[in-house]
Amino acid sequence: MLAGRETEKYYPDVLVERIETVNGEPTQRAELCEIKYREEIFRKWVTLKPKFKACRRYARQRGWRFRILTEVEIRTPRLANAKFLLPYSRRDTDWILEHQVMESVRALGETTIHQYMASLPGSQWDKAAVLPVVYYLICRGEIVANLDQPLTPQSPIRAVDQ
């Protein structure tokens, strides 16, 4: 992508493509993103501004959005939750236990992680085996939690189809 002078090339950091539901219809959206520390943007603004303008123009021509993201937008509870949940997304789980967890969460309706765990029969050790499955199902999107807030035992959860 050309930016500034004709001989100078500039490449943004990432293109994010996602499918969102708008009025019940799946809609694909794309964002071209540049990631910088705020301090760097302020310090290099004179040289970065024309590059950002070119990126914005490039994105607009393709029906995309251009965004500049800094540590303020990135270092959020969502990032902390993603870092916490990532190892659970790679775990092997027992599909029967997954089904049992989904059925019991569905039966409770909206609850908290703590309330759900407290509702389970068995010893603390039995319950400890279930919690990773809950986190795994949150990773898969089958159990919904507000990941824009810190994930704690008090976090509300519900089955995705509720």
C-alpha atoms as a PDB file:
ATOM      1  CA  MET A   1       0.000   0.000   0.000  1.00  0.00           C
ATOM      2  CA  LEU A   2       1.419   3.387  -0.930  1.00  0.00           C
ATOM      3  CA  ALA A   3       1.412   6.104   1.662  1.00  0.00           C
ATOM      4  CA  GLY A   4       2.900   9.581   1.737  1.00  0.00           C
ATOM      5  CA  ARG A   5       5.473   9.837  -1.032  1.00  0.00           C
ATOM      6  CA  GLU A   6       5.188   7.564  -4.067  1.00  0.00           C
ATOM      7  CA  THR A   7       8.342   5.656  -3.137  1.00  0.00           C
ATOM      8  CA  GLU A   8       7.371   5.003   0.458  1.00  0.00           C
ATOM      9  CA  LYS A   9       5.368   1.889   1.349  1.00  0.00           C
ATOM     10  CA  TYR A  10       3.480   1.396   4.567  1.00  0.00           C
ATOM     11  CA  TYR A  11       1.714  -1.745   5.726  1.00  0.00           C
ATOM     12  CA  PRO A  12      -0.818  -1.696   8.590  1.00  0.00           C
ATOM     13  CA  ASP A  13      -0.520  -4.402  11.230  1.00  0.00           C
ATOM     14  CA  VAL A  14      -3.638  -6.503  10.766  1.00  0.00           C
ATOM     15  CA  LEU A  15      -6.846  -6.990   8.805  1.00  0.00           C
ATOM     16  CA  VAL A  16      -9.665  -8.219  11.035  1.00  0.00           C
ATOM     17  CA  GLU A  17     -12.565  -9.920   9.294  1.00  0.00           C
ATOM     18  CA  ARG A  18     -15.638 -10.953  11.226  1.00  0.00           C
ATOM     19  CA  ILE A  19     -19.222 -11.900  10.683  1.00  0.00           C
ATOM     20  CA  GLU A  20     -21.754  -9.931  12.691  1.00  0.00           C
ATOM     21  CA  THR A  21     -25.512 -10.345  12.820  1.00  0.00           C
ATOM     22  CA  VAL A  22     -27.308  -7.207  11.656  1.00  0.00           C
ATOM     23  CA  ASN A  23     -31.126  -7.315  11.684  1.00  0.00           C
ATOM     24  CA  GLY A  24     -30.953 -11.092  11.925  1.00  0.00           C
ATOM     25  CA  GLU A  25     -28.731 -11.383   8.852  1.00  0.00           C
ATOM     26  CA  PRO A  26     -25.050 -12.379   8.920  1.00  0.00           C
ATOM     27  CA  THR A  27     -22.925  -9.510   7.620  1.00  0.00           C
ATOM     28  CA  GLN A  28     -19.202  -9.660   6.951  1.00  0.00           C
ATOM     29  CA  ARG A  29     -17.199  -6.674   8.191  1.00  0.00           C
ATOM     30  CA  ALA A  30     -13.527  -5.901   7.843  1.00  0.00           C
ATOM     31  CA  GLU A  31     -11.268  -3.523   9.749  1.00  0.00           C
ATOM     32  CA  LEU A  32      -7.751  -2.601   8.759  1.00  0.00           C
ATOM     33  CA  CYS A  33      -5.917  -1.926  12.013  1.00  0.00           C
ATOM     34  CA  GLU A  34      -2.719  -0.194  12.998  1.00  0.00           C
ATOM     35  CA  ILE A  35      -1.417  -0.918  16.487  1.00  0.00           C
ATOM     36  CA  LYS A  36       0.833   1.657  18.141  1.00  0.00           C
ATOM     37  CA  TYR A  37       1.643   2.944  21.593  1.00  0.00           C
ATOM     38  CA  ARG A  38       0.027   6.334  22.205  1.00  0.00           C
ATOM     39  CA  GLU A  39       3.371   7.862  23.045  1.00  0.00           C
ATOM     40  CA  GLU A  40       4.746   6.770  19.661  1.00  0.00           C
ATOM     41  CA  ILE A  41       1.771   8.261  17.814  1.00  0.00           C
ATOM     42  CA  PHE A  42       2.298  11.624  19.520  1.00  0.00           C
ATOM     43  CA  ARG A  43       6.069  11.532  18.982  1.00  0.00           C
ATOM     44  CA  LYS A  44       5.866  10.552  15.272  1.00  0.00           C
ATOM     45  CA  TRP A  45       2.563  12.210  14.342  1.00  0.00           C
ATOM     46  CA  VAL A  46       4.012  14.298  11.497  1.00  0.00           C
ATOM     47  CA  THR A  47       5.285  11.213   9.664  1.00  0.00           C
ATOM     48  CA  LEU A  48       2.434   8.892  10.643  1.00  0.00           C
ATOM     49  CA  LYS A  49      -0.470  11.169   9.721  1.00  0.00           C
ATOM     50  CA  PRO A  50      -0.071  10.854   5.915  1.00  0.00           C
ATOM     51  CA  LYS A  51       0.351   7.097   6.250  1.00  0.00           C
ATOM     52  CA  PHE A  52      -2.798   6.817   8.333  1.00  0.00           C
ATOM     53  CA  LYS A  53      -4.693   8.950   5.782  1.00  0.00           C
ATOM     54  CA  ALA A  54      -3.558   6.633   2.990  1.00  0.00           C
ATOM     55  CA  CYS A  55      -4.617   3.595   5.033  1.00  0.00           C
ATOM     56  CA  ARG A  56      -8.014   5.138   5.704  1.00  0.00           C
ATOM     57  CA  ARG A  57      -8.462   5.877   1.979  1.00  0.00           C
ATOM     58  CA  TYR A  58      -7.291   2.348   1.037  1.00  0.00           C
ATOM     59  CA  ALA A  59      -9.730   0.783   3.513  1.00  0.00           C
ATOM     60  CA  ARG A  60     -12.649   2.993   2.443  1.00  0.00           C
ATOM     61  CA  GLN A  61     -12.121   2.022  -1.223  1.00  0.00           C
ATOM     62  CA  ARG A  62     -12.653  -1.600  -0.212  1.00  0.00           C
ATOM     63  CA  GLY A  63     -15.614  -0.976   2.076  1.00  0.00           C
ATOM     64  CA  TRP A  64     -13.479  -1.555   5.168  1.00  0.00           C
ATOM     65  CA  ARG A  65     -12.941   0.548   8.261  1.00  0.00           C
ATOM     66  CA  PHE A  66      -9.498   1.775   9.347  1.00  0.00           C
ATOM     67  CA  ARG A  67      -8.741   1.908  13.066  1.00  0.00           C
ATOM     68  CA  ILE A  68      -5.738   2.930  15.104  1.00  0.00           C
ATOM     69  CA  LEU A  69      -5.540   0.848  18.255  1.00  0.00           C
ATOM     70  CA  THR A  70      -3.367   1.704  21.237  1.00  0.00           C
ATOM     71  CA  GLU A  71      -2.664   0.074  24.557  1.00  0.00           C
ATOM     72  CA  VAL A  72      -5.794   1.823  25.874  1.00  0.00           C
ATOM     73  CA  GLU A  73      -8.060  -0.111  23.477  1.00  0.00           C
ATOM     74  CA  ILE A  74      -6.103  -3.377  23.674  1.00  0.00           C
ATOM     75  CA  ARG A  75      -5.233  -3.832  27.345  1.00  0.00           C
ATOM     76  CA  THR A  76      -8.761  -4.419  28.524  1.00  0.00           C
ATOM     77  CA  PRO A  77     -10.539  -7.089  30.554  1.00  0.00           C
ATOM     78  CA  ARG A  78     -11.295  -8.830  27.235  1.00  0.00           C
ATOM     79  CA  LEU A  79      -7.561  -9.321  26.602  1.00  0.00           C
ATOM     80  CA  ALA A  80      -6.989 -10.552  30.162  1.00  0.00           C
ATOM     81  CA  ASN A  81      -9.910 -12.971  29.761  1.00  0.00           C
ATOM     82  CA  ALA A  82      -8.583 -14.185  26.403  1.00  0.00           C
ATOM     83  CA  LYS A  83      -5.165 -14.862  27.936  1.00  0.00           C
ATOM     84  CA  PHE A  84      -6.787 -16.711  30.825  1.00  0.00           C
ATOM     85  CA  LEU A  85      -9.131 -18.769  28.622  1.00  0.00           C
ATOM     86  CA  LEU A  86      -6.646 -19.624  25.854  1.00  0.00           C
ATOM     87  CA  PRO A  87      -5.230 -22.756  27.535  1.00  0.00           C
ATOM     88  CA  TYR A  88      -8.772 -24.058  28.094  1.00  0.00           C
ATOM     89  CA  SER A  89      -9.564 -23.695  24.386  1.00  0.00           C
ATOM     90  CA  ARG A  90      -6.882 -26.291  23.617  1.00  0.00           C
ATOM     91  CA  ARG A  91      -7.909 -28.871  26.202  1.00  0.00           C
ATOM     92  CA  ASP A  92      -9.382 -32.210  25.385  1.00  0.00           C
ATOM     93  CA  THR A  93     -12.667 -32.610  27.210  1.00  0.00           C
ATOM     94  CA  ASP A  94     -15.097 -35.441  27.660  1.00  0.00           C
ATOM     95  CA  TRP A  95     -18.036 -34.778  25.339  1.00  0.00           C
ATOM     96  CA  ILE A  96     -20.396 -36.467  27.789  1.00  0.00           C
ATOM     97  CA  LEU A  97     -19.291 -34.084  30.539  1.00  0.00           C
ATOM     98  CA  GLU A  98     -19.660 -31.163  28.093  1.00  0.00           C
ATOM     99  CA  HIS A  99     -23.238 -32.247  27.415  1.00  0.00           C
ATOM    100  CA  GLN A 100     -23.974 -32.584  31.135  1.00  0.00           C
ATOM    101  CA  VAL A 101     -22.556 -29.117  31.836  1.00  0.00           C
ATOM    102  CA  MET A 102     -24.614 -27.587  29.020  1.00  0.00           C
ATOM    103  CA  GLU A 103     -27.803 -29.265  30.242  1.00  0.00           C
ATOM    104  CA  SER A 104     -27.294 -28.147  33.827  1.00  0.00           C
ATOM    105  CA  VAL A 105     -26.409 -24.561  32.847  1.00  0.00           C
ATOM    106  CA  ARG A 106     -29.447 -24.487  30.564  1.00  0.00           C
ATOM    107  CA  ALA A 107     -31.650 -25.755  33.417  1.00  0.00           C
ATOM    108  CA  LEU A 108     -30.395 -23.028  35.778  1.00  0.00           C
ATOM    109  CA  GLY A 109     -30.922 -20.218  33.280  1.00  0.00           C
ATOM    110  CA  GLU A 110     -28.749 -17.193  33.952  1.00  0.00           C
ATOM    111  CA  THR A 111     -26.518 -17.925  36.911  1.00  0.00           C
ATOM    112  CA  THR A 112     -22.977 -17.161  38.013  1.00  0.00           C
ATOM    113  CA  ILE A 113     -19.976 -19.440  37.773  1.00  0.00           C
ATOM    114  CA  HIS A 114     -19.973 -19.674  41.580  1.00  0.00           C
ATOM    115  CA  GLN A 115     -23.698 -20.484  41.800  1.00  0.00           C
ATOM    116  CA  TYR A 116     -23.346 -23.074  39.057  1.00  0.00           C
ATOM    117  CA  MET A 117     -20.413 -24.770  40.791  1.00  0.00           C
ATOM    118  CA  ALA A 118     -22.258 -24.691  44.129  1.00  0.00           C
ATOM    119  CA  SER A 119     -25.278 -26.389  42.518  1.00  0.00           C
ATOM    120  CA  LEU A 120     -23.225 -29.424  41.490  1.00  0.00           C
ATOM    121  CA  PRO A 121     -23.367 -32.598  43.545  1.00  0.00           C
ATOM    122  CA  GLY A 122     -20.221 -34.342  44.685  1.00  0.00           C
ATOM    123  CA  SER A 123     -16.993 -33.459  46.386  1.00  0.00           C
ATOM    124  CA  GLN A 124     -14.821 -30.416  45.768  1.00  0.00           C
ATOM    125  CA  TRP A 125     -12.592 -32.690  43.663  1.00  0.00           C
ATOM    126  CA  ASP A 126     -15.551 -33.700  41.497  1.00  0.00           C
ATOM    127  CA  LYS A 127     -16.466 -30.046  41.039  1.00  0.00           C
ATOM    128  CA  ALA A 128     -12.847 -29.131  40.239  1.00  0.00           C
ATOM    129  CA  ALA A 129     -13.027 -31.457  37.233  1.00  0.00           C
ATOM    130  CA  VAL A 130     -16.052 -29.553  35.877  1.00  0.00           C
ATOM    131  CA  LEU A 131     -14.688 -25.997  35.989  1.00  0.00           C
ATOM    132  CA  PRO A 132     -12.239 -26.460  33.066  1.00  0.00           C
ATOM    133  CA  VAL A 133     -15.167 -27.733  30.988  1.00  0.00           C
ATOM    134  CA  VAL A 134     -17.128 -24.575  31.828  1.00  0.00           C
ATOM    135  CA  TYR A 135     -14.178 -22.442  30.657  1.00  0.00           C
ATOM    136  CA  TYR A 136     -13.799 -24.590  27.541  1.00  0.00           C
ATOM    137  CA  LEU A 137     -17.477 -24.069  26.682  1.00  0.00           C
ATOM    138  CA  ILE A 138     -17.083 -20.313  27.223  1.00  0.00           C
ATOM    139  CA  CYS A 139     -14.172 -20.418  24.749  1.00  0.00           C
ATOM    140  CA  ARG A 140     -16.337 -22.236  22.221  1.00  0.00           C
ATOM    141  CA  GLY A 141     -19.169 -19.758  22.684  1.00  0.00           C
ATOM    142  CA  GLU A 142     -21.619 -22.376  23.938  1.00  0.00           C
ATOM    143  CA  ILE A 143     -21.754 -20.740  27.347  1.00  0.00           C
ATOM    144  CA  VAL A 144     -22.078 -16.960  27.245  1.00  0.00           C
ATOM    145  CA  ALA A 145     -20.213 -14.684  29.641  1.00  0.00           C
ATOM    146  CA  ASN A 146     -19.554 -10.952  29.353  1.00  0.00           C
ATOM    147  CA  LEU A 147     -15.888 -11.033  28.418  1.00  0.00           C
ATOM    148  CA  ASP A 148     -15.693  -7.239  28.492  1.00  0.00           C
ATOM    149  CA  GLN A 149     -15.755  -7.561  32.280  1.00  0.00           C
ATOM    150  CA  PRO A 150     -13.181  -9.488  34.335  1.00  0.00           C
ATOM    151  CA  LEU A 151     -14.130 -13.171  34.442  1.00  0.00           C
ATOM    152  CA  THR A 152     -14.611 -14.093  38.104  1.00  0.00           C
ATOM    153  CA  PRO A 153     -16.664 -16.618  40.082  1.00  0.00           C
ATOM    154  CA  GLN A 154     -19.353 -13.886  40.269  1.00  0.00           C
ATOM    155  CA  SER A 155     -19.547 -13.535  36.463  1.00  0.00           C
ATOM    156  CA  PRO A 156     -23.022 -14.244  35.057  1.00  0.00           C
ATOM    157  CA  ILE A 157     -23.181 -17.131  32.582  1.00  0.00           C
ATOM    158  CA  ARG A 158     -25.929 -18.740  30.516  1.00  0.00           C
ATOM    159  CA  ALA A 159     -26.298 -21.278  27.748  1.00  0.00           C
ATOM    160  CA  VAL A 160     -25.973 -19.666  24.326  1.00  0.00           C
ATOM    161  CA  ASP A 161     -29.459 -20.721  23.244  1.00  0.00           C
ATOM    162  CA  GLN A 162     -31.169 -18.929  26.133  1.00  0.00           C
END
